[in-house]
C-alpha cells in the first residue's frame, strides 16, 4: 500500500530526502507522495523511512492504493529497471 501525508504535515522537510524512490515532493499545502513511486521502502529498507523520521506521525497507509508486499516489491523492481 502506498503511503500518504495528511494535512497535519508541518512541512519540516525531513521526509523528502529520506525517500529512496523520490516519491515525496512539496505539494500546494503539504508534502505529497506519488503512489506510483512509493514502495513503502520495500526493497530498500525494513521500514518506511519517511514514517521513521516524521516528527508528527502524519504519514499513513493510503487506502486508495492498497498493495501487498509482493506488489510493492514488483514496483520496486520495475522502478529499478527504469533507472
PDB file of N, CA and C in Angstrom:
ATOM      1  N   UNK A   1       0.850  -1.169   0.000  1.00  0.00           N
ATOM      2  CA  UNK A   1       0.000   0.000   0.000  1.00  0.00           C
ATOM      3  C   UNK A   1       0.893   1.229   0.000  1.00  0.00           C
ATOM      4  N   UNK A   2       0.654   2.115  -0.918  1.00  0.00           N
ATOM      5  CA  UNK A   2       1.397   3.365  -0.922  1.00  0.00           C
ATOM      6  C   UNK A   2       1.030   4.154   0.331  1.00  0.00           C
ATOM      7  N   UNK A   3       1.845   5.116   0.646  1.00  0.00           N
ATOM      8  CA  UNK A   3       1.607   5.956   1.815  1.00  0.00           C
ATOM      9  C   UNK A   3       1.061   7.309   1.375  1.00  0.00           C
ATOM     10  N   UNK A   4       0.479   8.016   2.318  1.00  0.00           N
ATOM     11  CA  UNK A   4       0.025   9.380   2.049  1.00  0.00           C
ATOM     12  C   UNK A   4       0.371  10.244   3.239  1.00  0.00           C
ATOM     13  N   UNK A   5       0.504  11.525   2.973  1.00  0.00           N
ATOM     14  CA  UNK A   5       0.810  12.500   4.011  1.00  0.00           C
ATOM     15  C   UNK A   5      -0.468  13.293   4.274  1.00  0.00           C
ATOM     16  N   UNK A   6      -0.874  13.329   5.538  1.00  0.00           N
ATOM     17  CA  UNK A   6      -2.110  14.017   5.896  1.00  0.00           C
ATOM     18  C   UNK A   6      -1.878  15.525   6.012  1.00  0.00           C
ATOM     19  N   UNK A   7      -2.970  16.256   6.179  1.00  0.00           N
ATOM     20  CA  UNK A   7      -2.858  17.706   6.306  1.00  0.00           C
ATOM     21  C   UNK A   7      -2.282  18.142   7.654  1.00  0.00           C
ATOM     22  N   UNK A   8      -1.921  17.182   8.489  1.00  0.00           N
ATOM     23  CA  UNK A   8      -1.231  17.509   9.738  1.00  0.00           C
ATOM     24  C   UNK A   8       0.257  17.771   9.504  1.00  0.00           C
ATOM     25  N   UNK A   9       0.722  17.578   8.273  1.00  0.00           N
ATOM     26  CA  UNK A   9       2.125  17.822   7.906  1.00  0.00           C
ATOM     27  C   UNK A   9       2.498  19.259   8.259  1.00  0.00           C
ATOM     28  N   UNK A  10       3.678  19.415   8.860  1.00  0.00           N
ATOM     29  CA  UNK A  10       4.160  20.747   9.240  1.00  0.00           C
ATOM     30  C   UNK A  10       5.236  21.255   8.281  1.00  0.00           C
ATOM     31  N   UNK A  11       5.422  20.565   7.152  1.00  0.00           N
ATOM     32  CA  UNK A  11       6.392  20.972   6.135  1.00  0.00           C
ATOM     33  C   UNK A  11       7.800  21.126   6.711  1.00  0.00           C
ATOM     34  N   UNK A  12       8.192  20.169   7.511  1.00  0.00           N
ATOM     35  CA  UNK A  12       9.501  20.248   8.168  1.00  0.00           C
ATOM     36  C   UNK A  12      10.648  19.806   7.254  1.00  0.00           C
ATOM     37  N   UNK A  13      10.335  19.211   6.120  1.00  0.00           N
ATOM     38  CA  UNK A  13      11.323  18.837   5.104  1.00  0.00           C
ATOM     39  C   UNK A  13      12.170  17.609   5.439  1.00  0.00           C
ATOM     40  N   UNK A  14      11.863  16.870   6.492  1.00  0.00           N
ATOM     41  CA  UNK A  14      12.729  15.736   6.825  1.00  0.00           C
ATOM     42  C   UNK A  14      12.399  14.477   6.018  1.00  0.00           C
ATOM     43  N   UNK A  15      11.179  14.344   5.533  1.00  0.00           N
ATOM     44  CA  UNK A  15      10.797  13.116   4.832  1.00  0.00           C
ATOM     45  C   UNK A  15      11.326  13.049   3.404  1.00  0.00           C
ATOM     46  N   UNK A  16      11.294  14.144   2.698  1.00  0.00           N
ATOM     47  CA  UNK A  16      11.643  14.142   1.269  1.00  0.00           C
ATOM     48  C   UNK A  16      13.018  13.537   0.975  1.00  0.00           C
ATOM     49  N   UNK A  17      14.077  13.950   1.647  1.00  0.00           N
ATOM     50  CA  UNK A  17      15.389  13.373   1.324  1.00  0.00           C
ATOM     51  C   UNK A  17      15.550  11.912   1.749  1.00  0.00           C
ATOM     52  N   UNK A  18      14.662  11.412   2.601  1.00  0.00           N
ATOM     53  CA  UNK A  18      14.760  10.031   3.069  1.00  0.00           C
ATOM     54  C   UNK A  18      14.180   9.022   2.079  1.00  0.00           C
ATOM     55  N   UNK A  19      13.375   9.473   1.130  1.00  0.00           N
ATOM     56  CA  UNK A  19      12.697   8.563   0.210  1.00  0.00           C
ATOM     57  C   UNK A  19      13.666   8.069  -0.868  1.00  0.00           C
ATOM     58  N   UNK A  20      13.926   6.757  -0.902  1.00  0.00           N
ATOM     59  CA  UNK A  20      14.859   6.229  -1.898  1.00  0.00           C
ATOM     60  C   UNK A  20      14.299   6.219  -3.315  1.00  0.00           C
ATOM     61  N   UNK A  21      12.994   6.406  -3.457  1.00  0.00           N
ATOM     62  CA  UNK A  21      12.363   6.386  -4.777  1.00  0.00           C
ATOM     63  C   UNK A  21      11.987   7.776  -5.284  1.00  0.00           C
ATOM     64  N   UNK A  22      12.363   8.808  -4.557  1.00  0.00           N
ATOM     65  CA  UNK A  22      11.994  10.187  -4.921  1.00  0.00           C
ATOM     66  C   UNK A  22      10.489  10.333  -5.111  1.00  0.00           C
ATOM     67  N   UNK A  23       9.718   9.677  -4.251  1.00  0.00           N
ATOM     68  CA  UNK A  23       8.261   9.711  -4.351  1.00  0.00           C
ATOM     69  C   UNK A  23       7.651  10.889  -3.602  1.00  0.00           C
ATOM     70  N   UNK A  24       8.428  11.570  -2.774  1.00  0.00           N
ATOM     71  CA  UNK A  24       7.899  12.659  -1.946  1.00  0.00           C
ATOM     72  C   UNK A  24       8.326  14.001  -2.537  1.00  0.00           C
ATOM     73  N   UNK A  25       7.356  14.902  -2.631  1.00  0.00           N
ATOM     74  CA  UNK A  25       7.645  16.247  -3.132  1.00  0.00           C
ATOM     75  C   UNK A  25       6.759  17.253  -2.411  1.00  0.00           C
ATOM     76  N   UNK A  26       7.129  18.517  -2.533  1.00  0.00           N
ATOM     77  CA  UNK A  26       6.347  19.577  -1.907  1.00  0.00           C
ATOM     78  C   UNK A  26       5.068  19.768  -2.709  1.00  0.00           C
ATOM     79  N   UNK A  27       3.936  19.659  -2.030  1.00  0.00           N
ATOM     80  CA  UNK A  27       2.649  19.911  -2.660  1.00  0.00           C
ATOM     81  C   UNK A  27       2.237  21.351  -2.455  1.00  0.00           C
ATOM     82  N   UNK A  28       0.992  21.640  -2.768  1.00  0.00           N
ATOM     83  CA  UNK A  28       0.498  23.009  -2.627  1.00  0.00           C
ATOM     84  C   UNK A  28       0.499  23.472  -1.177  1.00  0.00           C
ATOM     85  N   UNK A  29       0.034  22.587  -0.275  1.00  0.00           N
ATOM     86  CA  UNK A  29      -0.027  22.954   1.141  1.00  0.00           C
ATOM     87  C   UNK A  29       0.898  22.118   2.018  1.00  0.00           C
ATOM     88  N   UNK A  30       1.032  20.847   1.698  1.00  0.00           N
ATOM     89  CA  UNK A  30       1.873  19.922   2.457  1.00  0.00           C
ATOM     90  C   UNK A  30       2.624  19.032   1.479  1.00  0.00           C
ATOM     91  N   UNK A  31       3.566  18.285   1.998  1.00  0.00           N
ATOM     92  CA  UNK A  31       4.272  17.330   1.146  1.00  0.00           C
ATOM     93  C   UNK A  31       3.309  16.260   0.662  1.00  0.00           C
ATOM     94  N   UNK A  32       3.599  15.697  -0.502  1.00  0.00           N
ATOM     95  CA  UNK A  32       2.754  14.657  -1.090  1.00  0.00           C
ATOM     96  C   UNK A  32       3.630  13.476  -1.503  1.00  0.00           C
ATOM     97  N   UNK A  33       2.995  12.311  -1.591  1.00  0.00           N
ATOM     98  CA  UNK A  33       3.689  11.099  -2.012  1.00  0.00           C
ATOM     99  C   UNK A  33       3.057  10.602  -3.301  1.00  0.00           C
ATOM    100  N   UNK A  34       3.872  10.384  -4.322  1.00  0.00           N
ATOM    101  CA  UNK A  34       3.397   9.842  -5.591  1.00  0.00           C
ATOM    102  C   UNK A  34       3.185   8.342  -5.421  1.00  0.00           C
ATOM    103  N   UNK A  35       1.934   7.875  -5.469  1.00  0.00           N
ATOM    104  CA  UNK A  35       1.671   6.457  -5.215  1.00  0.00           C
ATOM    105  C   UNK A  35       2.325   5.521  -6.223  1.00  0.00           C
ATOM    106  N   UNK A  36       2.575   5.992  -7.431  1.00  0.00           N
ATOM    107  CA  UNK A  36       3.210   5.139  -8.434  1.00  0.00           C
ATOM    108  C   UNK A  36       4.699   4.928  -8.162  1.00  0.00           C
ATOM    109  N   UNK A  37       5.275   5.741  -7.283  1.00  0.00           N
ATOM    110  CA  UNK A  37       6.688   5.597  -6.921  1.00  0.00           C
ATOM    111  C   UNK A  37       6.901   5.042  -5.514  1.00  0.00           C
ATOM    112  N   UNK A  38       5.867   5.094  -4.677  1.00  0.00           N
ATOM    113  CA  UNK A  38       6.006   4.667  -3.283  1.00  0.00           C
ATOM    114  C   UNK A  38       5.949   3.147  -3.164  1.00  0.00           C
ATOM    115  N   UNK A  39       7.008   2.585  -2.595  1.00  0.00           N
ATOM    116  CA  UNK A  39       7.057   1.138  -2.327  1.00  0.00           C
ATOM    117  C   UNK A  39       7.106   0.875  -0.831  1.00  0.00           C
ATOM    118  N   UNK A  40       6.833   1.893  -0.017  1.00  0.00           N
ATOM    119  CA  UNK A  40       6.982   1.802   1.439  1.00  0.00           C
ATOM    120  C   UNK A  40       8.386   1.342   1.802  1.00  0.00           C
ATOM    121  N   UNK A  41       9.335   1.657   0.960  1.00  0.00           N
ATOM    122  CA  UNK A  41      10.751   1.313   1.117  1.00  0.00           C
ATOM    123  C   UNK A  41      11.027  -0.182   0.966  1.00  0.00           C
ATOM    124  N   UNK A  42      10.023  -0.961   0.537  1.00  0.00           N
ATOM    125  CA  UNK A  42      10.249  -2.384   0.258  1.00  0.00           C
ATOM    126  C   UNK A  42      11.330  -2.474  -0.816  1.00  0.00           C
ATOM    127  N   UNK A  43      12.308  -3.324  -0.579  1.00  0.00           N
ATOM    128  CA  UNK A  43      13.436  -3.455  -1.485  1.00  0.00           C
ATOM    129  C   UNK A  43      14.628  -2.614  -1.075  1.00  0.00           C
ATOM    130  N   UNK A  44      14.385  -1.614  -0.259  1.00  0.00           N
ATOM    131  CA  UNK A  44      15.454  -0.737   0.215  1.00  0.00           C
ATOM    132  C   UNK A  44      15.726  -0.927   1.707  1.00  0.00           C
ATOM    133  N   UNK A  45      14.659  -0.858   2.506  1.00  0.00           N
ATOM    134  CA  UNK A  45      14.778  -0.874   3.963  1.00  0.00           C
ATOM    135  C   UNK A  45      13.698  -1.760   4.574  1.00  0.00           C
ATOM    136  N   UNK A  46      13.850  -2.082   5.845  1.00  0.00           N
ATOM    137  CA  UNK A  46      12.856  -2.881   6.557  1.00  0.00           C
ATOM    138  C   UNK A  46      11.642  -2.067   6.986  1.00  0.00           C
ATOM    139  N   UNK A  47      11.786  -0.755   7.043  1.00  0.00           N
ATOM    140  CA  UNK A  47      10.694   0.125   7.456  1.00  0.00           C
ATOM    141  C   UNK A  47      10.655   1.343   6.544  1.00  0.00           C
ATOM    142  N   UNK A  48       9.492   1.938   6.430  1.00  0.00           N
ATOM    143  CA  UNK A  48       9.333   3.152   5.622  1.00  0.00           C
ATOM    144  C   UNK A  48      10.116   4.284   6.272  1.00  0.00           C
ATOM    145  N   UNK A  49      11.091   4.801   5.565  1.00  0.00           N
ATOM    146  CA  UNK A  49      11.973   5.805   6.132  1.00  0.00           C
ATOM    147  C   UNK A  49      11.273   7.117   6.426  1.00  0.00           C
ATOM    148  N   UNK A  50      10.307   7.507   5.602  1.00  0.00           N
ATOM    149  CA  UNK A  50       9.594   8.756   5.873  1.00  0.00           C
ATOM    150  C   UNK A  50       8.801   8.658   7.167  1.00  0.00           C
ATOM    151  N   UNK A  51       8.194   7.502   7.402  1.00  0.00           N
ATOM    152  CA  UNK A  51       7.440   7.298   8.640  1.00  0.00           C
ATOM    153  C   UNK A  51       8.382   7.341   9.836  1.00  0.00           C
ATOM    154  N   UNK A  52       9.556   6.755   9.675  1.00  0.00           N
ATOM    155  CA  UNK A  52      10.535   6.712  10.767  1.00  0.00           C
ATOM    156  C   UNK A  52      10.975   8.103  11.208  1.00  0.00           C
ATOM    157  N   UNK A  53      11.106   9.039  10.268  1.00  0.00           N
ATOM    158  CA  UNK A  53      11.639  10.363  10.615  1.00  0.00           C
ATOM    159  C   UNK A  53      10.575  11.424  10.853  1.00  0.00           C
ATOM    160  N   UNK A  54       9.334  11.147  10.513  1.00  0.00           N
ATOM    161  CA  UNK A  54       8.267  12.156  10.646  1.00  0.00           C
ATOM    162  C   UNK A  54       8.031  12.502  12.121  1.00  0.00           C
ATOM    163  N   UNK A  55       8.198  13.771  12.485  1.00  0.00           N
ATOM    164  CA  UNK A  55       8.029  14.152  13.898  1.00  0.00           C
ATOM    165  C   UNK A  55       6.576  14.274  14.344  1.00  0.00           C
ATOM    166  N   UNK A  56       5.619  14.305  13.398  1.00  0.00           N
ATOM    167  CA  UNK A  56       4.223  14.477  13.781  1.00  0.00           C
ATOM    168  C   UNK A  56       3.349  13.283  13.401  1.00  0.00           C
ATOM    169  N   UNK A  57       3.949  12.211  12.953  1.00  0.00           N
ATOM    170  CA  UNK A  57       3.207  10.985  12.611  1.00  0.00           C
ATOM    171  C   UNK A  57       2.044  11.251  11.667  1.00  0.00           C
ATOM    172  N   UNK A  58       2.314  11.969  10.578  1.00  0.00           N
ATOM    173  CA  UNK A  58       1.254  12.306   9.631  1.00  0.00           C
ATOM    174  C   UNK A  58       1.324  11.491   8.348  1.00  0.00           C
ATOM    175  N   UNK A  59       2.132  10.437   8.333  1.00  0.00           N
ATOM    176  CA  UNK A  59       2.261   9.597   7.139  1.00  0.00           C
ATOM    177  C   UNK A  59       1.600   8.257   7.420  1.00  0.00           C
ATOM    178  N   UNK A  60       0.563   7.978   6.642  1.00  0.00           N
ATOM    179  CA  UNK A  60      -0.282   6.808   6.869  1.00  0.00           C
ATOM    180  C   UNK A  60      -0.429   5.972   5.601  1.00  0.00           C
ATOM    181  N   UNK A  61      -0.842   4.719   5.738  1.00  0.00           N
ATOM    182  CA  UNK A  61      -1.160   3.921   4.550  1.00  0.00           C
ATOM    183  C   UNK A  61      -2.303   4.585   3.775  1.00  0.00           C
ATOM    184  N   UNK A  62      -2.191   4.590   2.472  1.00  0.00           N
ATOM    185  CA  UNK A  62      -3.194   5.196   1.608  1.00  0.00           C
ATOM    186  C   UNK A  62      -4.218   4.141   1.203  1.00  0.00           C
ATOM    187  N   UNK A  63      -5.432   4.189   1.762  1.00  0.00           N
ATOM    188  CA  UNK A  63      -6.426   3.156   1.452  1.00  0.00           C
ATOM    189  C   UNK A  63      -6.822   3.125  -0.022  1.00  0.00           C
ATOM    190  N   UNK A  64      -6.583   4.188  -0.747  1.00  0.00           N
ATOM    191  CA  UNK A  64      -6.904   4.226  -2.177  1.00  0.00           C
ATOM    192  C   UNK A  64      -5.871   3.487  -3.024  1.00  0.00           C
ATOM    193  N   UNK A  65      -4.757   3.105  -2.409  1.00  0.00           N
ATOM    194  CA  UNK A  65      -3.683   2.428  -3.146  1.00  0.00           C
ATOM    195  C   UNK A  65      -3.196   1.202  -2.374  1.00  0.00           C
ATOM    196  N   UNK A  66      -4.109   0.294  -2.103  1.00  0.00           N
ATOM    197  CA  UNK A  66      -3.779  -0.928  -1.363  1.00  0.00           C
ATOM    198  C   UNK A  66      -2.927  -1.847  -2.233  1.00  0.00           C
ATOM    199  N   UNK A  67      -1.778  -2.284  -1.679  1.00  0.00           N
ATOM    200  CA  UNK A  67      -0.870  -3.177  -2.386  1.00  0.00           C
ATOM    201  C   UNK A  67      -0.265  -4.153  -1.389  1.00  0.00           C
ATOM    202  N   UNK A  68      -0.065  -5.363  -1.826  1.00  0.00           N
ATOM    203  CA  UNK A  68       0.584  -6.367  -0.988  1.00  0.00           C
ATOM    204  C   UNK A  68       2.095  -6.133  -1.007  1.00  0.00           C
ATOM    205  N   UNK A  69       2.786  -6.791  -0.108  1.00  0.00           N
ATOM    206  CA  UNK A  69       4.248  -6.703  -0.098  1.00  0.00           C
ATOM    207  C   UNK A  69       4.817  -7.168  -1.438  1.00  0.00           C
ATOM    208  N   UNK A  70       4.219  -8.207  -2.006  1.00  0.00           N
ATOM    209  CA  UNK A  70       4.683  -8.721  -3.298  1.00  0.00           C
ATOM    210  C   UNK A  70       4.491  -7.676  -4.403  1.00  0.00           C
ATOM    211  N   UNK A  71       3.377  -6.969  -4.371  1.00  0.00           N
ATOM    212  CA  UNK A  71       3.136  -5.917  -5.356  1.00  0.00           C
ATOM    213  C   UNK A  71       4.116  -4.762  -5.179  1.00  0.00           C
ATOM    214  N   UNK A  72       4.401  -4.412  -3.922  1.00  0.00           N
ATOM    215  CA  UNK A  72       5.370  -3.352  -3.654  1.00  0.00           C
ATOM    216  C   UNK A  72       6.758  -3.760  -4.130  1.00  0.00           C
ATOM    217  N   UNK A  73       7.123  -5.007  -3.935  1.00  0.00           N
ATOM    218  CA  UNK A  73       8.419  -5.494  -4.400  1.00  0.00           C
ATOM    219  C   UNK A  73       8.487  -5.464  -5.927  1.00  0.00           C
ATOM    220  N   UNK A  74       7.405  -5.841  -6.601  1.00  0.00           N
ATOM    221  CA  UNK A  74       7.369  -5.785  -8.061  1.00  0.00           C
ATOM    222  C   UNK A  74       7.516  -4.344  -8.537  1.00  0.00           C
ATOM    223  N   UNK A  75       6.874  -3.398  -7.832  1.00  0.00           N
ATOM    224  CA  UNK A  75       7.006  -1.978  -8.187  1.00  0.00           C
ATOM    225  C   UNK A  75       8.446  -1.517  -7.993  1.00  0.00           C
ATOM    226  N   UNK A  76       9.063  -1.950  -6.888  1.00  0.00           N
ATOM    227  CA  UNK A  76      10.465  -1.618  -6.621  1.00  0.00           C
ATOM    228  C   UNK A  76      11.344  -2.116  -7.768  1.00  0.00           C
ATOM    229  N   UNK A  77      11.127  -3.352  -8.203  1.00  0.00           N
ATOM    230  CA  UNK A  77      11.931  -3.924  -9.289  1.00  0.00           C
ATOM    231  C   UNK A  77      11.701  -3.171 -10.598  1.00  0.00           C
ATOM    232  N   UNK A  78      10.476  -2.780 -10.865  1.00  0.00           N
ATOM    233  CA  UNK A  78      10.154  -2.017 -12.091  1.00  0.00           C
ATOM    234  C   UNK A  78      10.826  -0.657 -12.060  1.00  0.00           C
ATOM    235  N   UNK A  79      10.728   0.025 -10.909  1.00  0.00           N
ATOM    236  CA  UNK A  79      11.361   1.353 -10.777  1.00  0.00           C
ATOM    237  C   UNK A  79      12.862   1.224 -10.972  1.00  0.00           C
ATOM    238  N   UNK A  80      13.467   0.182 -10.390  1.00  0.00           N
ATOM    239  CA  UNK A  80      14.909  -0.019 -10.546  1.00  0.00           C
ATOM    240  C   UNK A  80      15.298  -0.297 -11.985  1.00  0.00           C
ATOM    241  N   UNK A  81      14.466  -1.002 -12.702  1.00  0.00           N
ATOM    242  CA  UNK A  81      14.745  -1.305 -14.111  1.00  0.00           C
ATOM    243  C   UNK A  81      14.664  -0.057 -14.975  1.00  0.00           C
ATOM    244  N   UNK A  82      13.835   0.903 -14.553  1.00  0.00           N
ATOM    245  CA  UNK A  82      13.682   2.137 -15.316  1.00  0.00           C
ATOM    246  C   UNK A  82      14.810   3.126 -15.046  1.00  0.00           C
ATOM    247  N   UNK A  83      15.483   2.948 -13.933  1.00  0.00           N
ATOM    248  CA  UNK A  83      16.535   3.912 -13.545  1.00  0.00           C
ATOM    249  C   UNK A  83      17.783   3.760 -14.367  1.00  0.00           C
TER     250      UNK A  83
END
